[in-house]
Structures are given as structure tokens and as C-alpha cells.
Amino acid sequence: MKSFIASALMLLAPAVVLAQTPAQPAAKSETKAAAKPVAKTAVKSDTKPSKSAAKAPAAKKTTVAKSEPTSSRAQLKSATNQVAAGIIAAEAALSPAELAIAERVHVGRMPCELGAFVTVTADSAVPGHFHVEGKGFKYFMSPVVTSTGTVRLEDQKGGAVWLQIVNKSMLMNQRLGQRLADECMSAEQVVVAEAIKKNPPASVLEPLPVAK
């Protein structure tokens, strides 16, 4: 009986050993799989702070280096703008005689011949200067002293001239030699023109009356 049990145990021993041996590699693989993520995360966590710590000083250096040229450029730009504004103001300054002419300029929307209109507006920022505009043109004009006393405005860049006499005004383009608008009248000029029609002045070509 004992020999039978012993022989049965000897037959069952290899099966028990085979059943127990696969469990060890599985346990090792589990420990390795568990150990690898921990190691990787530990390595990653150790390396990331070092990169951020290395980048932080470089960012500060670049910002400090760029701030100096920006401030110097801003100062240079402001100084250039101030000089340009001073030059423009000096060029736009008028003499007392020119300012006196500017006070005589008629402003507003004026009807002209052939259904045209011209609008003359005083510039609020530059005393004595005017905007003269209409259909297809716009000029920035300043007064010019004349020997005849006629009110004359010029836009030297645009080549335009605005002439104002007692009963009408006209706009000319000297470069093209064209009249852009003629027979333009303000309210004051309309009154004068009507008076001239009723009482026309004597012509210099008419003979003088013979004395009796």
C-alpha cells in the first residue's frame, strides 16, 4: 500500500512542478511592468524641471535685451515727429498781411455757373488756411498778397488758384490752364452783383461827356 502511494506521488510530482513553474515568470513580468512606468515617470519628472529651469533665465535675458532698442526707437520716433511738426508749423505761419487777406475770404457753399458748386472752409487747426473743394477736386490753400488788392488763395502743390473779387469768384488750375469753376458767388457777392446790374459802372472805353 505504501509503495503504491509512493509511486502515485512520484507520478504526480512532475505535473505539480509543471503547474507551479509558469507562475514565476508571470510574477516577474508583472513586477517588471510595474517597475518600468515608475522608473520612466521618475526619470521624466526629474528631467522636465531641469529643462524649465534652464529655459527660464534665457527668456529673461531676451526680454531685457529687447526692451532697450524698443525704448530708444520710441524716443527717436517721437523726436522726429516733433521736428516734423515744427517744420510744418513754420511753413504754415502767415505774415500779418496774409492773415488780413484771410479775414476777407468768403466761406461756405457757393453756386457757380453750369450748375457747379464750390465749398470754401476755413481750417480750424491752421489759421489763415482754407479747404476749397468741389466735384472732382479738393485743394488746401493759403492767402497770397497781390498788388491789386484781389483776394487770392493758392495751393502751390496742386497748382490751383482761387480768385475773389467783389461780385464773383473763380477757381483756376494754372498747371492745366483751365477754369475749374467760374461765376461763383457767396451771399455777399450776390448782393453786389445785383447792385452792379441796376447801376452799371461807367466803362473806361465810353467817351467822357462834353462840357457845355
N, C-alpha and C. Protein backbone atom coordinates (compact mmCIF):
# COMPACT_ATOMS: atom_id res chain seq x y z
N MET A 1 0.83 -1.21 0.00
CA MET A 1 0.00 0.00 0.00
C MET A 1 0.86 1.24 0.00
N LYS A 2 1.84 1.31 0.86
CA LYS A 2 2.75 2.45 0.91
C LYS A 2 3.49 2.62 -0.40
N SER A 3 3.91 1.44 -0.97
CA SER A 3 4.63 1.53 -2.24
C SER A 3 3.74 2.05 -3.34
N PHE A 4 2.45 1.75 -3.31
CA PHE A 4 1.51 2.25 -4.31
C PHE A 4 1.34 3.76 -4.18
N ILE A 5 1.21 4.21 -2.92
CA ILE A 5 1.05 5.66 -2.69
C ILE A 5 2.30 6.40 -3.12
N ALA A 6 3.47 5.79 -2.81
CA ALA A 6 4.73 6.44 -3.18
C ALA A 6 4.87 6.54 -4.67
N SER A 7 4.48 5.49 -5.38
CA SER A 7 4.59 5.52 -6.84
C SER A 7 3.62 6.53 -7.44
N ALA A 8 2.42 6.66 -6.81
CA ALA A 8 1.45 7.64 -7.31
C ALA A 8 1.95 9.06 -7.10
N LEU A 9 2.58 9.30 -5.96
CA LEU A 9 3.13 10.64 -5.69
C LEU A 9 4.26 10.96 -6.66
N MET A 10 5.09 9.95 -6.98
CA MET A 10 6.17 10.19 -7.91
C MET A 10 5.62 10.55 -9.29
N LEU A 11 4.49 9.96 -9.68
CA LEU A 11 3.89 10.27 -10.97
C LEU A 11 3.26 11.67 -10.97
N LEU A 12 2.69 12.06 -9.84
CA LEU A 12 2.03 13.36 -9.76
C LEU A 12 3.01 14.51 -9.55
N ALA A 13 4.21 14.26 -9.09
CA ALA A 13 5.17 15.33 -8.79
C ALA A 13 5.54 16.17 -10.02
N PRO A 14 5.85 15.49 -11.16
CA PRO A 14 6.18 16.36 -12.34
C PRO A 14 5.03 17.26 -12.75
N ALA A 15 3.77 16.75 -12.62
CA ALA A 15 2.63 17.59 -13.00
C ALA A 15 2.49 18.79 -12.09
N VAL A 16 2.72 18.59 -10.80
CA VAL A 16 2.65 19.71 -9.86
C VAL A 16 3.74 20.72 -10.14
N VAL A 17 4.95 20.23 -10.46
CA VAL A 17 6.06 21.15 -10.76
C VAL A 17 5.78 21.96 -12.00
N LEU A 18 5.22 21.27 -13.05
CA LEU A 18 4.88 21.99 -14.29
C LEU A 18 3.79 23.02 -14.06
N ALA A 19 2.86 22.75 -13.16
CA ALA A 19 1.78 23.69 -12.88
C ALA A 19 2.27 24.90 -12.12
N GLN A 20 3.30 24.70 -11.30
CA GLN A 20 3.80 25.82 -10.49
C GLN A 20 4.85 26.66 -11.20
N THR A 21 5.61 26.10 -12.15
CA THR A 21 6.70 26.87 -12.78
C THR A 21 6.24 28.05 -13.61
N PRO A 22 5.14 28.08 -14.38
CA PRO A 22 4.76 29.28 -15.16
C PRO A 22 4.39 30.47 -14.31
N ALA A 23 4.05 30.22 -13.05
CA ALA A 23 3.63 31.34 -12.20
C ALA A 23 4.77 32.30 -11.92
N GLN A 24 6.00 31.85 -11.89
CA GLN A 24 7.13 32.71 -11.54
C GLN A 24 7.46 33.73 -12.64
N PRO A 25 7.51 33.33 -13.91
CA PRO A 25 7.76 34.36 -14.94
C PRO A 25 6.66 35.41 -14.99
N ALA A 26 5.40 34.97 -14.75
CA ALA A 26 4.31 35.95 -14.76
C ALA A 26 4.50 36.96 -13.67
N ALA A 27 4.91 36.46 -12.50
CA ALA A 27 5.14 37.38 -11.40
C ALA A 27 6.28 38.33 -11.70
N LYS A 28 7.33 37.77 -12.39
CA LYS A 28 8.46 38.64 -12.74
C LYS A 28 8.04 39.69 -13.76
N SER A 29 7.21 39.24 -14.77
CA SER A 29 6.78 40.21 -15.79
C SER A 29 5.91 41.30 -15.18
N GLU A 30 5.07 40.91 -14.21
CA GLU A 30 4.24 41.92 -13.55
C GLU A 30 5.09 42.93 -12.80
N THR A 31 6.11 42.40 -12.10
CA THR A 31 6.97 43.33 -11.35
C THR A 31 7.75 44.22 -12.28
N LYS A 32 8.19 43.64 -13.44
CA LYS A 32 8.92 44.48 -14.39
C LYS A 32 8.02 45.53 -15.00
N ALA A 33 6.77 45.10 -15.38
CA ALA A 33 5.85 46.07 -15.99
C ALA A 33 5.49 47.17 -15.02
N ALA A 34 5.37 46.80 -13.77
CA ALA A 34 5.06 47.82 -12.76
C ALA A 34 6.26 48.70 -12.47
N ALA A 35 7.43 48.12 -12.58
CA ALA A 35 8.63 48.89 -12.25
C ALA A 35 9.01 49.86 -13.34
N LYS A 36 8.75 49.49 -14.63
CA LYS A 36 9.17 50.35 -15.74
C LYS A 36 8.42 51.67 -15.76
N PRO A 37 7.08 51.69 -15.64
CA PRO A 37 6.43 53.02 -15.64
C PRO A 37 6.88 53.90 -14.51
N VAL A 38 7.12 53.32 -13.39
CA VAL A 38 7.55 54.13 -12.26
C VAL A 38 8.91 54.75 -12.55
N ALA A 39 9.78 53.91 -13.15
CA ALA A 39 11.11 54.42 -13.46
C ALA A 39 11.05 55.51 -14.51
N LYS A 40 10.18 55.30 -15.54
CA LYS A 40 10.08 56.31 -16.60
C LYS A 40 9.50 57.60 -16.07
N THR A 41 8.44 57.44 -15.27
CA THR A 41 7.84 58.67 -14.72
C THR A 41 8.81 59.39 -13.82
N ALA A 42 9.58 58.61 -13.10
CA ALA A 42 10.55 59.25 -12.20
C ALA A 42 11.61 59.99 -13.00
N VAL A 43 12.03 59.34 -14.11
CA VAL A 43 13.06 59.98 -14.93
C VAL A 43 12.51 61.22 -15.58
N LYS A 44 11.23 61.11 -16.11
CA LYS A 44 10.63 62.27 -16.77
C LYS A 44 10.41 63.41 -15.79
N SER A 45 9.95 63.03 -14.59
CA SER A 45 9.71 64.10 -13.61
C SER A 45 11.00 64.77 -13.20
N ASP A 46 12.10 64.00 -13.25
CA ASP A 46 13.38 64.61 -12.86
C ASP A 46 13.94 65.49 -13.98
N THR A 47 13.69 65.09 -15.24
CA THR A 47 14.30 65.84 -16.35
C THR A 47 13.51 67.09 -16.70
N LYS A 48 12.15 67.10 -16.62
CA LYS A 48 11.35 68.26 -17.01
C LYS A 48 11.65 69.50 -16.20
N PRO A 49 11.71 69.42 -14.89
CA PRO A 49 12.03 70.65 -14.13
C PRO A 49 13.39 71.23 -14.51
N SER A 50 14.34 70.33 -14.86
CA SER A 50 15.66 70.85 -15.21
C SER A 50 15.61 71.64 -16.50
N LYS A 51 14.75 71.19 -17.50
CA LYS A 51 14.64 71.94 -18.76
C LYS A 51 13.97 73.29 -18.53
N SER A 52 12.87 73.28 -17.76
CA SER A 52 12.18 74.55 -17.50
C SER A 52 13.07 75.50 -16.72
N ALA A 53 13.84 74.93 -15.79
CA ALA A 53 14.74 75.78 -15.01
C ALA A 53 15.84 76.36 -15.89
N ALA A 54 16.26 75.57 -16.92
CA ALA A 54 17.30 76.08 -17.80
C ALA A 54 16.77 77.12 -18.76
N LYS A 55 15.46 76.99 -19.16
CA LYS A 55 14.89 77.93 -20.12
C LYS A 55 14.52 79.26 -19.47
N ALA A 56 14.17 79.27 -18.21
CA ALA A 56 13.68 80.49 -17.56
C ALA A 56 14.70 81.63 -17.61
N PRO A 57 15.95 81.41 -17.29
CA PRO A 57 16.90 82.54 -17.36
C PRO A 57 17.08 83.06 -18.77
N ALA A 58 17.03 82.15 -19.80
CA ALA A 58 17.21 82.60 -21.19
C ALA A 58 16.09 83.52 -21.61
N ALA A 59 14.84 83.23 -21.20
CA ALA A 59 13.70 84.09 -21.54
C ALA A 59 13.86 85.47 -20.93
N LYS A 60 14.32 85.53 -19.71
CA LYS A 60 14.52 86.83 -19.05
C LYS A 60 15.58 87.65 -19.77
N LYS A 61 16.65 86.97 -20.22
CA LYS A 61 17.73 87.69 -20.90
C LYS A 61 17.24 88.29 -22.20
N THR A 62 16.43 87.53 -22.96
CA THR A 62 15.95 88.05 -24.25
C THR A 62 15.03 89.25 -24.06
N THR A 63 14.14 89.19 -23.05
CA THR A 63 13.24 90.33 -22.82
C THR A 63 14.00 91.57 -22.40
N VAL A 64 15.01 91.41 -21.59
CA VAL A 64 15.79 92.57 -21.16
C VAL A 64 16.58 93.15 -22.32
N ALA A 65 17.09 92.27 -23.21
CA ALA A 65 17.87 92.75 -24.34
C ALA A 65 17.01 93.49 -25.34
N LYS A 66 15.71 93.08 -25.52
CA LYS A 66 14.84 93.72 -26.49
C LYS A 66 14.24 95.01 -25.98
N SER A 67 14.15 95.19 -24.68
CA SER A 67 13.50 96.37 -24.15
C SER A 67 14.30 97.64 -24.43
N GLU A 68 15.61 97.55 -24.45
CA GLU A 68 16.43 98.73 -24.66
C GLU A 68 16.30 99.30 -26.07
N PRO A 69 16.38 98.47 -27.17
CA PRO A 69 16.19 99.04 -28.50
C PRO A 69 14.80 99.61 -28.71
N THR A 70 13.77 98.99 -28.11
CA THR A 70 12.40 99.49 -28.29
C THR A 70 12.25 100.88 -27.70
N SER A 71 12.79 101.10 -26.50
CA SER A 71 12.68 102.41 -25.88
C SER A 71 13.45 103.46 -26.67
N SER A 72 14.62 103.10 -27.18
CA SER A 72 15.41 104.07 -27.95
C SER A 72 14.73 104.40 -29.26
N ARG A 73 14.10 103.42 -29.91
CA ARG A 73 13.37 103.69 -31.15
C ARG A 73 12.17 104.58 -30.90
N ALA A 74 11.47 104.34 -29.80
CA ALA A 74 10.30 105.17 -29.49
C ALA A 74 10.71 106.61 -29.24
N GLN A 75 11.83 106.81 -28.54
CA GLN A 75 12.32 108.17 -28.30
C GLN A 75 12.73 108.85 -29.60
N LEU A 76 13.39 108.09 -30.48
CA LEU A 76 13.81 108.66 -31.77
C LEU A 76 12.61 109.02 -32.62
N LYS A 77 11.58 108.16 -32.60
CA LYS A 77 10.38 108.43 -33.39
C LYS A 77 9.65 109.66 -32.88
N SER A 78 9.52 109.79 -31.56
CA SER A 78 8.85 110.96 -31.01
C SER A 78 9.61 112.24 -31.32
N ALA A 79 10.94 112.18 -31.25
CA ALA A 79 11.74 113.36 -31.57
C ALA A 79 11.60 113.74 -33.04
N THR A 80 11.54 112.74 -33.93
CA THR A 80 11.36 113.01 -35.35
C THR A 80 10.00 113.64 -35.61
N ASN A 81 8.96 113.13 -34.95
CA ASN A 81 7.63 113.71 -35.12
C ASN A 81 7.57 115.16 -34.63
N GLN A 82 8.25 115.45 -33.54
CA GLN A 82 8.26 116.83 -33.04
C GLN A 82 8.96 117.78 -34.01
N VAL A 83 10.06 117.32 -34.59
CA VAL A 83 10.77 118.15 -35.56
C VAL A 83 9.90 118.38 -36.80
N ALA A 84 9.24 117.31 -37.28
CA ALA A 84 8.38 117.45 -38.45
C ALA A 84 7.22 118.39 -38.17
N ALA A 85 6.64 118.29 -36.98
CA ALA A 85 5.54 119.20 -36.62
C ALA A 85 6.02 120.64 -36.56
N GLY A 86 7.24 120.86 -36.06
CA GLY A 86 7.78 122.21 -36.02
C GLY A 86 8.02 122.78 -37.41
N ILE A 87 8.49 121.95 -38.32
CA ILE A 87 8.72 122.41 -39.70
C ILE A 87 7.41 122.76 -40.38
N ILE A 88 6.39 121.91 -40.19
CA ILE A 88 5.08 122.18 -40.79
C ILE A 88 4.48 123.46 -40.24
N ALA A 89 4.61 123.66 -38.93
CA ALA A 89 4.07 124.88 -38.32
C ALA A 89 4.79 126.12 -38.83
N ALA A 90 6.10 126.01 -39.02
CA ALA A 90 6.87 127.16 -39.52
C ALA A 90 6.47 127.49 -40.96
N GLU A 91 6.27 126.45 -41.77
CA GLU A 91 5.88 126.69 -43.16
C GLU A 91 4.46 127.26 -43.25
N ALA A 92 3.60 126.84 -42.34
CA ALA A 92 2.20 127.30 -42.38
C ALA A 92 2.01 128.68 -41.77
N ALA A 93 2.99 129.20 -41.05
CA ALA A 93 2.84 130.52 -40.41
C ALA A 93 2.70 131.60 -41.48
N LEU A 94 1.75 132.51 -41.26
CA LEU A 94 1.46 133.58 -42.22
C LEU A 94 1.90 134.93 -41.67
N SER A 95 2.16 135.82 -42.58
CA SER A 95 2.51 137.19 -42.20
C SER A 95 1.24 137.95 -41.82
N PRO A 96 1.37 139.09 -41.16
CA PRO A 96 0.17 139.88 -40.83
C PRO A 96 -0.64 140.27 -42.07
N ALA A 97 0.05 140.58 -43.18
CA ALA A 97 -0.67 140.95 -44.41
C ALA A 97 -1.47 139.77 -44.95
N GLU A 98 -0.90 138.58 -44.88
CA GLU A 98 -1.61 137.39 -45.36
C GLU A 98 -2.78 137.04 -44.46
N LEU A 99 -2.61 137.23 -43.15
CA LEU A 99 -3.72 136.98 -42.23
C LEU A 99 -4.86 137.98 -42.46
N ALA A 100 -4.51 139.20 -42.85
CA ALA A 100 -5.54 140.19 -43.15
C ALA A 100 -6.33 139.80 -44.39
N ILE A 101 -5.66 139.22 -45.37
CA ILE A 101 -6.37 138.72 -46.56
C ILE A 101 -7.28 137.56 -46.20
N ALA A 102 -6.82 136.68 -45.32
CA ALA A 102 -7.62 135.52 -44.93
C ALA A 102 -8.93 135.94 -44.27
N GLU A 103 -8.93 137.07 -43.58
CA GLU A 103 -10.16 137.55 -42.93
C GLU A 103 -11.21 138.01 -43.95
N ARG A 104 -10.80 138.30 -45.16
CA ARG A 104 -11.73 138.77 -46.19
C ARG A 104 -12.29 137.65 -47.06
N VAL A 105 -11.81 136.43 -46.86
CA VAL A 105 -12.24 135.31 -47.70
C VAL A 105 -13.68 134.92 -47.35
N HIS A 106 -14.52 134.77 -48.37
CA HIS A 106 -15.89 134.31 -48.15
C HIS A 106 -15.89 132.78 -48.04
N VAL A 107 -16.59 132.27 -47.05
CA VAL A 107 -16.64 130.82 -46.83
C VAL A 107 -18.08 130.33 -47.02
N GLY A 108 -18.19 129.03 -47.20
CA GLY A 108 -19.50 128.42 -47.39
C GLY A 108 -19.60 127.74 -48.75
N ARG A 109 -20.80 127.24 -49.04
CA ARG A 109 -21.07 126.56 -50.32
C ARG A 109 -21.61 127.60 -51.31
N MET A 110 -20.89 127.76 -52.40
CA MET A 110 -21.23 128.81 -53.36
C MET A 110 -21.66 128.21 -54.69
N PRO A 111 -22.79 128.64 -55.23
CA PRO A 111 -23.19 128.19 -56.57
C PRO A 111 -22.36 128.88 -57.65
N CYS A 112 -22.05 128.11 -58.68
CA CYS A 112 -21.27 128.64 -59.80
C CYS A 112 -22.05 128.42 -61.09
N GLU A 113 -21.46 128.84 -62.20
CA GLU A 113 -22.13 128.66 -63.49
C GLU A 113 -22.18 127.18 -63.87
N LEU A 114 -23.12 126.86 -64.75
CA LEU A 114 -23.31 125.49 -65.26
C LEU A 114 -23.68 124.51 -64.15
N GLY A 115 -24.31 125.02 -63.09
CA GLY A 115 -24.79 124.14 -62.02
C GLY A 115 -23.72 123.59 -61.10
N ALA A 116 -22.53 124.13 -61.16
CA ALA A 116 -21.46 123.64 -60.29
C ALA A 116 -21.50 124.33 -58.93
N PHE A 117 -20.78 123.76 -57.97
CA PHE A 117 -20.70 124.32 -56.62
C PHE A 117 -19.25 124.23 -56.14
N VAL A 118 -18.85 125.22 -55.35
CA VAL A 118 -17.55 125.22 -54.70
C VAL A 118 -17.77 125.53 -53.22
N THR A 119 -17.14 124.74 -52.36
CA THR A 119 -17.25 124.94 -50.92
C THR A 119 -15.90 125.39 -50.37
N VAL A 120 -15.90 126.52 -49.69
CA VAL A 120 -14.69 127.07 -49.07
C VAL A 120 -14.86 126.97 -47.55
N THR A 121 -13.92 126.29 -46.90
CA THR A 121 -13.99 126.07 -45.45
C THR A 121 -12.67 126.46 -44.81
N ALA A 122 -12.75 127.25 -43.76
CA ALA A 122 -11.53 127.64 -43.02
C ALA A 122 -11.02 126.45 -42.22
N ASP A 123 -9.71 126.27 -42.23
CA ASP A 123 -9.09 125.19 -41.47
C ASP A 123 -8.98 125.61 -40.00
N SER A 124 -9.56 124.81 -39.12
CA SER A 124 -9.56 125.16 -37.69
C SER A 124 -8.21 124.95 -37.03
N ALA A 125 -7.39 124.04 -37.59
CA ALA A 125 -6.10 123.74 -36.98
C ALA A 125 -4.99 124.68 -37.44
N VAL A 126 -5.11 125.19 -38.67
CA VAL A 126 -4.07 126.07 -39.22
C VAL A 126 -4.71 127.40 -39.57
N PRO A 127 -4.55 128.44 -38.76
CA PRO A 127 -5.20 129.73 -39.02
C PRO A 127 -4.77 130.32 -40.36
N GLY A 128 -5.77 130.90 -41.08
CA GLY A 128 -5.49 131.56 -42.35
C GLY A 128 -5.48 130.64 -43.54
N HIS A 129 -5.69 129.33 -43.35
CA HIS A 129 -5.69 128.37 -44.45
C HIS A 129 -7.12 127.87 -44.70
N PHE A 130 -7.36 127.43 -45.94
CA PHE A 130 -8.71 127.08 -46.34
C PHE A 130 -8.70 125.79 -47.18
N HIS A 131 -9.82 125.07 -47.07
CA HIS A 131 -10.08 123.92 -47.93
C HIS A 131 -11.07 124.36 -49.00
N VAL A 132 -10.67 124.24 -50.25
CA VAL A 132 -11.52 124.60 -51.39
C VAL A 132 -11.79 123.31 -52.16
N GLU A 133 -13.06 122.93 -52.20
CA GLU A 133 -13.38 121.64 -52.84
C GLU A 133 -14.69 121.72 -53.60
N GLY A 134 -14.79 120.80 -54.54
CA GLY A 134 -15.99 120.67 -55.37
C GLY A 134 -15.97 119.31 -56.04
N LYS A 135 -16.74 119.18 -57.10
CA LYS A 135 -16.83 117.90 -57.78
C LYS A 135 -15.53 117.61 -58.55
N GLY A 136 -14.81 116.60 -58.09
CA GLY A 136 -13.58 116.20 -58.76
C GLY A 136 -12.33 116.92 -58.33
N PHE A 137 -12.39 117.79 -57.32
CA PHE A 137 -11.18 118.48 -56.89
C PHE A 137 -11.30 118.83 -55.40
N LYS A 138 -10.14 118.96 -54.79
CA LYS A 138 -10.03 119.37 -53.39
C LYS A 138 -8.64 119.95 -53.17
N TYR A 139 -8.60 121.19 -52.68
CA TYR A 139 -7.32 121.88 -52.51
C TYR A 139 -7.20 122.45 -51.10
N PHE A 140 -5.95 122.56 -50.65
CA PHE A 140 -5.64 123.19 -49.36
C PHE A 140 -4.87 124.47 -49.67
N MET A 141 -5.49 125.63 -49.42
CA MET A 141 -4.98 126.90 -49.92
C MET A 141 -4.61 127.87 -48.79
N SER A 142 -3.71 128.77 -49.15
CA SER A 142 -3.29 129.84 -48.24
C SER A 142 -3.31 131.17 -49.00
N PRO A 143 -3.50 132.29 -48.31
CA PRO A 143 -3.59 133.59 -48.99
C PRO A 143 -2.24 134.08 -49.52
N VAL A 144 -2.34 134.84 -50.61
CA VAL A 144 -1.15 135.43 -51.23
C VAL A 144 -1.43 136.92 -51.44
N VAL A 145 -0.45 137.76 -51.10
CA VAL A 145 -0.59 139.21 -51.24
C VAL A 145 -0.51 139.58 -52.72
N THR A 146 -1.44 140.44 -53.17
CA THR A 146 -1.45 140.92 -54.56
C THR A 146 -1.36 142.44 -54.59
N SER A 147 -0.93 142.96 -55.72
CA SER A 147 -0.81 144.42 -55.86
C SER A 147 -2.15 145.09 -56.12
N THR A 148 -3.14 144.34 -56.62
CA THR A 148 -4.45 144.92 -56.94
C THR A 148 -5.43 144.86 -55.78
N GLY A 149 -5.07 144.14 -54.73
CA GLY A 149 -5.99 144.01 -53.60
C GLY A 149 -6.99 142.87 -53.75
N THR A 150 -6.89 142.11 -54.86
CA THR A 150 -7.77 140.97 -55.06
C THR A 150 -7.44 139.87 -54.06
N VAL A 151 -8.47 139.23 -53.52
CA VAL A 151 -8.24 138.10 -52.61
C VAL A 151 -7.79 136.90 -53.45
N ARG A 152 -6.63 136.40 -53.12
CA ARG A 152 -6.03 135.30 -53.89
C ARG A 152 -5.60 134.19 -52.93
N LEU A 153 -6.08 133.00 -53.18
CA LEU A 153 -5.66 131.81 -52.44
C LEU A 153 -4.96 130.86 -53.40
N GLU A 154 -3.90 130.23 -52.93
CA GLU A 154 -3.14 129.32 -53.78
C GLU A 154 -2.88 127.99 -53.09
N ASP A 155 -2.89 126.95 -53.90
CA ASP A 155 -2.39 125.64 -53.50
C ASP A 155 -1.19 125.35 -54.39
N GLN A 156 -0.01 125.61 -53.86
CA GLN A 156 1.20 125.51 -54.68
C GLN A 156 1.47 124.08 -55.11
N LYS A 157 1.16 123.11 -54.27
CA LYS A 157 1.37 121.72 -54.65
C LYS A 157 0.38 121.28 -55.73
N GLY A 158 -0.86 121.69 -55.59
CA GLY A 158 -1.87 121.29 -56.57
C GLY A 158 -1.92 122.18 -57.79
N GLY A 159 -1.27 123.36 -57.73
CA GLY A 159 -1.26 124.27 -58.86
C GLY A 159 -2.57 124.99 -59.09
N ALA A 160 -3.39 125.15 -58.03
CA ALA A 160 -4.71 125.78 -58.18
C ALA A 160 -4.71 127.16 -57.54
N VAL A 161 -5.58 128.04 -58.07
CA VAL A 161 -5.70 129.42 -57.59
C VAL A 161 -7.18 129.75 -57.45
N TRP A 162 -7.53 130.34 -56.31
CA TRP A 162 -8.90 130.83 -56.08
C TRP A 162 -8.85 132.35 -56.03
N LEU A 163 -9.58 133.00 -56.96
CA LEU A 163 -9.61 134.46 -57.05
C LEU A 163 -10.98 134.96 -56.65
N GLN A 164 -10.98 135.94 -55.75
CA GLN A 164 -12.24 136.51 -55.25
C GLN A 164 -12.23 138.01 -55.46
N ILE A 165 -13.23 138.50 -56.22
CA ILE A 165 -13.42 139.94 -56.37
C ILE A 165 -14.77 140.30 -55.74
N VAL A 166 -15.19 141.54 -55.90
CA VAL A 166 -16.36 141.99 -55.14
C VAL A 166 -17.65 141.28 -55.55
N ASN A 167 -17.79 140.90 -56.82
CA ASN A 167 -19.07 140.35 -57.27
C ASN A 167 -19.03 138.89 -57.68
N LYS A 168 -17.86 138.24 -57.68
CA LYS A 168 -17.79 136.82 -58.03
C LYS A 168 -16.41 136.25 -57.68
N SER A 169 -16.32 134.93 -57.78
CA SER A 169 -15.04 134.24 -57.55
C SER A 169 -14.87 133.18 -58.64
N MET A 170 -13.64 132.76 -58.82
CA MET A 170 -13.36 131.72 -59.81
C MET A 170 -12.19 130.86 -59.34
N LEU A 171 -12.19 129.62 -59.81
CA LEU A 171 -11.13 128.66 -59.46
C LEU A 171 -10.42 128.24 -60.74
N MET A 172 -9.10 128.36 -60.73
CA MET A 172 -8.29 128.02 -61.90
C MET A 172 -7.24 126.98 -61.55
N ASN A 173 -6.93 126.14 -62.52
CA ASN A 173 -5.78 125.23 -62.42
C ASN A 173 -4.70 125.78 -63.33
N GLN A 174 -3.68 126.39 -62.72
CA GLN A 174 -2.64 127.04 -63.51
C GLN A 174 -1.79 126.05 -64.28
N ARG A 175 -1.62 124.88 -63.74
CA ARG A 175 -0.80 123.88 -64.45
C ARG A 175 -1.47 123.44 -65.75
N LEU A 176 -2.78 123.25 -65.69
CA LEU A 176 -3.51 122.83 -66.89
C LEU A 176 -4.01 124.01 -67.71
N GLY A 177 -3.99 125.21 -67.11
CA GLY A 177 -4.51 126.37 -67.81
C GLY A 177 -6.01 126.30 -68.02
N GLN A 178 -6.73 125.78 -67.02
CA GLN A 178 -8.18 125.60 -67.14
C GLN A 178 -8.91 126.31 -66.00
N ARG A 179 -10.12 126.72 -66.29
CA ARG A 179 -11.01 127.22 -65.25
C ARG A 179 -11.85 126.05 -64.74
N LEU A 180 -11.70 125.75 -63.48
CA LEU A 180 -12.47 124.64 -62.90
C LEU A 180 -13.86 125.09 -62.48
N ALA A 181 -14.00 126.35 -62.12
CA ALA A 181 -15.31 126.90 -61.72
C ALA A 181 -15.27 128.40 -61.94
N ASP A 182 -16.39 128.96 -62.43
CA ASP A 182 -16.45 130.40 -62.70
C ASP A 182 -17.81 130.93 -62.26
N GLU A 183 -17.87 132.25 -62.09
CA GLU A 183 -19.10 132.92 -61.67
C GLU A 183 -19.64 132.36 -60.33
N CYS A 184 -18.73 132.00 -59.43
CA CYS A 184 -19.14 131.52 -58.10
C CYS A 184 -19.46 132.73 -57.22
N MET A 185 -20.56 132.65 -56.49
CA MET A 185 -20.99 133.80 -55.69
C MET A 185 -21.43 133.37 -54.30
N SER A 186 -20.91 134.10 -53.33
CA SER A 186 -21.41 133.98 -51.97
C SER A 186 -22.62 134.88 -51.81
N ALA A 187 -23.23 134.88 -50.63
CA ALA A 187 -24.40 135.74 -50.39
C ALA A 187 -24.02 137.22 -50.53
N GLU A 188 -22.85 137.58 -50.04
CA GLU A 188 -22.41 138.97 -50.14
C GLU A 188 -22.16 139.37 -51.60
N GLN A 189 -21.60 138.46 -52.36
CA GLN A 189 -21.30 138.77 -53.76
C GLN A 189 -22.58 138.86 -54.61
N VAL A 190 -23.59 138.10 -54.23
CA VAL A 190 -24.87 138.19 -54.96
C VAL A 190 -25.46 139.58 -54.82
N VAL A 191 -25.39 140.13 -53.61
CA VAL A 191 -25.91 141.48 -53.37
C VAL A 191 -25.15 142.50 -54.22
N VAL A 192 -23.84 142.39 -54.27
CA VAL A 192 -23.03 143.32 -55.05
C VAL A 192 -23.33 143.16 -56.54
N ALA A 193 -23.47 141.92 -57.00
CA ALA A 193 -23.74 141.68 -58.42
C ALA A 193 -25.09 142.28 -58.82
N GLU A 194 -26.09 142.18 -57.97
CA GLU A 194 -27.39 142.78 -58.28
C GLU A 194 -27.31 144.30 -58.33
N ALA A 195 -26.53 144.86 -57.44
CA ALA A 195 -26.36 146.32 -57.44
C ALA A 195 -25.66 146.79 -58.69
N ILE A 196 -24.70 146.03 -59.16
CA ILE A 196 -23.97 146.41 -60.38
C ILE A 196 -24.89 146.33 -61.60
N LYS A 197 -25.79 145.34 -61.61
CA LYS A 197 -26.73 145.24 -62.72
C LYS A 197 -27.67 146.45 -62.77
N LYS A 198 -28.10 146.89 -61.60
CA LYS A 198 -29.02 148.03 -61.56
C LYS A 198 -28.30 149.33 -61.88
N ASN A 199 -27.10 149.47 -61.41
CA ASN A 199 -26.32 150.71 -61.64
C ASN A 199 -24.94 150.32 -62.17
N PRO A 200 -24.87 149.97 -63.45
CA PRO A 200 -23.57 149.56 -64.00
C PRO A 200 -22.58 150.71 -63.96
N PRO A 201 -21.34 150.42 -63.62
CA PRO A 201 -20.32 151.49 -63.60
C PRO A 201 -19.99 151.94 -65.01
N ALA A 202 -19.53 153.16 -65.11
CA ALA A 202 -19.16 153.71 -66.42
C ALA A 202 -17.96 152.99 -66.97
N SER A 203 -17.99 152.66 -68.22
CA SER A 203 -16.88 151.98 -68.86
C SER A 203 -15.78 152.98 -69.20
N VAL A 204 -14.57 152.53 -69.08
CA VAL A 204 -13.43 153.40 -69.41
C VAL A 204 -13.34 153.64 -70.90
N LEU A 205 -14.02 152.84 -71.71
CA LEU A 205 -13.98 152.99 -73.16
C LEU A 205 -15.03 154.00 -73.66
N GLU A 206 -16.00 154.31 -72.82
CA GLU A 206 -17.01 155.28 -73.25
C GLU A 206 -16.42 156.69 -73.22
N PRO A 207 -16.81 157.50 -74.17
CA PRO A 207 -16.27 158.87 -74.18
C PRO A 207 -16.82 159.71 -73.03
N LEU A 208 -16.02 160.59 -72.56
CA LEU A 208 -16.44 161.45 -71.46
C LEU A 208 -17.47 162.46 -71.97
N PRO A 209 -18.41 162.84 -71.12
CA PRO A 209 -19.42 163.82 -71.54
C PRO A 209 -18.77 165.18 -71.88
N VAL A 210 -19.29 165.80 -72.91
CA VAL A 210 -18.73 167.08 -73.35
C VAL A 210 -19.23 168.19 -72.45
N ALA A 211 -18.34 168.95 -71.95
CA ALA A 211 -18.71 170.07 -71.06
C ALA A 211 -19.38 171.17 -71.84
N LYS A 212 -20.45 171.72 -71.33
CA LYS A 212 -21.18 172.81 -72.01
C LYS A 212 -20.55 174.14 -71.69
